[in-house]
Amino acid sequence: MSSSRLGGATSRSEVTNIGIHGFWFLDEGREYFVPFKEYPEFRKATIGQIHIMRKIGPGQFHWPDLDIDIEIVALESPEQFLLKFKRIAKRPRARAARGR
């Protein structure tokens, strides 16, 4: 009797280290660095918020508590992405006109 392997190989994505200049995460056996200089919203985040990440597609990651998405290609070749991360401030709501 031979034993067979059940299921496929699984690869887990996880944050592996957080430093003063950014953090590293591991995916598919490769480690990636996310610099706080390029992604400033992570600098203000808690350790817990940075650790809660979801893989949403091949090479695509989402931090739900921060509402931030990053693609691996942007980390590997940042020169190809001229637009930089910027949080857009919410506009104050317009006041409803009072009856005339």
C-alpha atoms as a PDB file:
ATOM      1  CA  MET A   1       0.000   0.000   0.000  1.00  0.00           C
ATOM      2  CA  SER A   2       1.350   3.404  -0.908  1.00  0.00           C
ATOM      3  CA  SER A   3       0.361   6.582   0.754  1.00  0.00           C
ATOM      4  CA  SER A   4      -0.600   9.505  -1.389  1.00  0.00           C
ATOM      5  CA  ARG A   5      -0.468  13.143  -0.587  1.00  0.00           C
ATOM      6  CA  LEU A   6      -3.837  14.667   0.172  1.00  0.00           C
ATOM      7  CA  GLY A   7      -4.640  18.120  -1.142  1.00  0.00           C
ATOM      8  CA  GLY A   8      -2.328  20.576  -2.822  1.00  0.00           C
ATOM      9  CA  ALA A   9       0.544  22.502  -1.429  1.00  0.00           C
ATOM     10  CA  THR A  10      -0.536  25.607   0.375  1.00  0.00           C
ATOM     11  CA  SER A  11       1.442  28.788   0.661  1.00  0.00           C
ATOM     12  CA  ARG A  12       0.622  31.210   3.384  1.00  0.00           C
ATOM     13  CA  SER A  13       1.107  34.950   3.118  1.00  0.00           C
ATOM     14  CA  GLU A  14       2.226  36.648   6.305  1.00  0.00           C
ATOM     15  CA  VAL A  15       3.978  39.687   7.699  1.00  0.00           C
ATOM     16  CA  THR A  16       7.387  38.530   8.896  1.00  0.00           C
ATOM     17  CA  ASN A  17       9.001  41.664  10.353  1.00  0.00           C
ATOM     18  CA  ILE A  18       8.229  45.307  11.092  1.00  0.00           C
ATOM     19  CA  GLY A  19      11.030  47.862  11.388  1.00  0.00           C
ATOM     20  CA  ILE A  20      11.367  51.628  11.570  1.00  0.00           C
ATOM     21  CA  HIS A  21      11.564  52.000   7.760  1.00  0.00           C
ATOM     22  CA  GLY A  22       8.834  49.556   6.758  1.00  0.00           C
ATOM     23  CA  PHE A  23       7.777  45.947   6.969  1.00  0.00           C
ATOM     24  CA  TRP A  24       8.370  42.663   5.196  1.00  0.00           C
ATOM     25  CA  PHE A  25       5.851  40.052   4.193  1.00  0.00           C
ATOM     26  CA  LEU A  26       6.258  36.590   2.773  1.00  0.00           C
ATOM     27  CA  ASP A  27       4.270  35.193  -0.162  1.00  0.00           C
ATOM     28  CA  GLU A  28       4.940  32.128  -2.321  1.00  0.00           C
ATOM     29  CA  GLY A  29       8.358  31.697  -0.703  1.00  0.00           C
ATOM     30  CA  ARG A  30       9.479  35.262  -1.532  1.00  0.00           C
ATOM     31  CA  GLU A  31       9.829  38.137   0.867  1.00  0.00           C
ATOM     32  CA  TYR A  32       8.766  41.679  -0.053  1.00  0.00           C
ATOM     33  CA  PHE A  33       9.523  45.011   1.625  1.00  0.00           C
ATOM     34  CA  VAL A  34       6.875  47.725   2.008  1.00  0.00           C
ATOM     35  CA  PRO A  35       8.618  51.044   2.777  1.00  0.00           C
ATOM     36  CA  PHE A  36       6.787  53.499   5.014  1.00  0.00           C
ATOM     37  CA  LYS A  37       8.192  56.308   2.874  1.00  0.00           C
ATOM     38  CA  GLU A  38       6.185  55.080  -0.127  1.00  0.00           C
ATOM     39  CA  TYR A  39       3.178  53.859   1.892  1.00  0.00           C
ATOM     40  CA  PRO A  40       2.865  56.377   4.772  1.00  0.00           C
ATOM     41  CA  GLU A  41      -0.495  55.136   6.047  1.00  0.00           C
ATOM     42  CA  PHE A  42       1.225  52.009   7.338  1.00  0.00           C
ATOM     43  CA  ARG A  43       3.477  54.165   9.557  1.00  0.00           C
ATOM     44  CA  LYS A  44       0.422  55.279  11.539  1.00  0.00           C
ATOM     45  CA  ALA A  45      -1.008  51.747  11.747  1.00  0.00           C
ATOM     46  CA  THR A  46      -0.820  49.454  14.739  1.00  0.00           C
ATOM     47  CA  ILE A  47       1.170  46.243  14.578  1.00  0.00           C
ATOM     48  CA  GLY A  48      -2.119  44.335  14.599  1.00  0.00           C
ATOM     49  CA  GLN A  49      -3.485  46.308  11.644  1.00  0.00           C
ATOM     50  CA  ILE A  50      -0.350  45.591   9.604  1.00  0.00           C
ATOM     51  CA  HIS A  51      -0.480  41.887  10.429  1.00  0.00           C
ATOM     52  CA  ILE A  52      -4.088  41.511   9.232  1.00  0.00           C
ATOM     53  CA  MET A  53      -3.592  41.097   5.490  1.00  0.00           C
ATOM     54  CA  ARG A  54      -5.519  39.115   2.904  1.00  0.00           C
ATOM     55  CA  LYS A  55      -4.401  37.809  -0.455  1.00  0.00           C
ATOM     56  CA  ILE A  56      -7.141  38.902  -2.848  1.00  0.00           C
ATOM     57  CA  GLY A  57      -5.640  37.588  -6.072  1.00  0.00           C
ATOM     58  CA  PRO A  58      -2.360  36.561  -7.637  1.00  0.00           C
ATOM     59  CA  GLY A  59       0.120  39.150  -6.424  1.00  0.00           C
ATOM     60  CA  GLN A  60      -2.601  41.319  -4.870  1.00  0.00           C
ATOM     61  CA  PHE A  61      -2.937  42.024  -1.159  1.00  0.00           C
ATOM     62  CA  HIS A  62      -5.418  43.922   0.989  1.00  0.00           C
ATOM     63  CA  TRP A  63      -5.195  45.269   4.541  1.00  0.00           C
ATOM     64  CA  PRO A  64      -8.889  45.472   5.535  1.00  0.00           C
ATOM     65  CA  ASP A  65      -8.431  47.490   8.735  1.00  0.00           C
ATOM     66  CA  LEU A  66      -6.524  50.143   6.771  1.00  0.00           C
ATOM     67  CA  ASP A  67      -8.382  49.856   3.432  1.00  0.00           C
ATOM     68  CA  ILE A  68      -5.055  49.586   1.566  1.00  0.00           C
ATOM     69  CA  ASP A  69      -4.299  47.398  -1.464  1.00  0.00           C
ATOM     70  CA  ILE A  70      -0.821  46.632  -2.819  1.00  0.00           C
ATOM     71  CA  GLU A  71       0.236  44.673  -5.878  1.00  0.00           C
ATOM     72  CA  ILE A  72       3.558  42.811  -5.890  1.00  0.00           C
ATOM     73  CA  VAL A  73       4.527  44.412  -9.212  1.00  0.00           C
ATOM     74  CA  ALA A  74       4.415  47.852  -7.537  1.00  0.00           C
ATOM     75  CA  LEU A  75       6.910  46.645  -4.926  1.00  0.00           C
ATOM     76  CA  GLU A  76       9.163  44.911  -7.448  1.00  0.00           C
ATOM     77  CA  SER A  77       9.210  47.764  -9.994  1.00  0.00           C
ATOM     78  CA  PRO A  78       8.159  51.007  -8.272  1.00  0.00           C
ATOM     79  CA  GLU A  79       9.605  53.083 -11.134  1.00  0.00           C
ATOM     80  CA  GLN A  80       6.747  51.832 -13.346  1.00  0.00           C
ATOM     81  CA  PHE A  81       4.178  53.425 -11.051  1.00  0.00           C
ATOM     82  CA  LEU A  82       4.323  57.194 -11.186  1.00  0.00           C
ATOM     83  CA  LEU A  83       1.310  57.707  -8.962  1.00  0.00           C
ATOM     84  CA  LYS A  84       2.123  57.479  -5.268  1.00  0.00           C
ATOM     85  CA  PHE A  85      -0.104  56.406  -2.428  1.00  0.00           C
ATOM     86  CA  LYS A  86      -2.202  59.259  -1.125  1.00  0.00           C
ATOM     87  CA  ARG A  87      -5.132  59.204   1.272  1.00  0.00           C
ATOM     88  CA  ILE A  88      -7.901  61.470   0.037  1.00  0.00           C
ATOM     89  CA  ALA A  89      -9.474  63.477   2.814  1.00  0.00           C
ATOM     90  CA  LYS A  90     -13.202  63.152   3.112  1.00  0.00           C
ATOM     91  CA  ARG A  91     -15.085  66.283   2.134  1.00  0.00           C
ATOM     92  CA  PRO A  92     -17.491  67.789   4.647  1.00  0.00           C
ATOM     93  CA  ARG A  93     -21.087  67.195   3.763  1.00  0.00           C
ATOM     94  CA  ALA A  94     -22.976  70.109   2.247  1.00  0.00           C
ATOM     95  CA  ARG A  95     -25.654  71.455   4.516  1.00  0.00           C
ATOM     96  CA  ALA A  96     -29.184  71.000   3.330  1.00  0.00           C
ATOM     97  CA  ALA A  97     -30.856  74.207   2.198  1.00  0.00           C
ATOM     98  CA  ARG A  98     -33.391  75.383   4.710  1.00  0.00           C
ATOM     99  CA  GLY A  99     -36.920  75.782   3.395  1.00  0.00           C
ATOM    100  CA  ARG A 100     -37.822  79.015   1.597  1.00  0.00           C
END
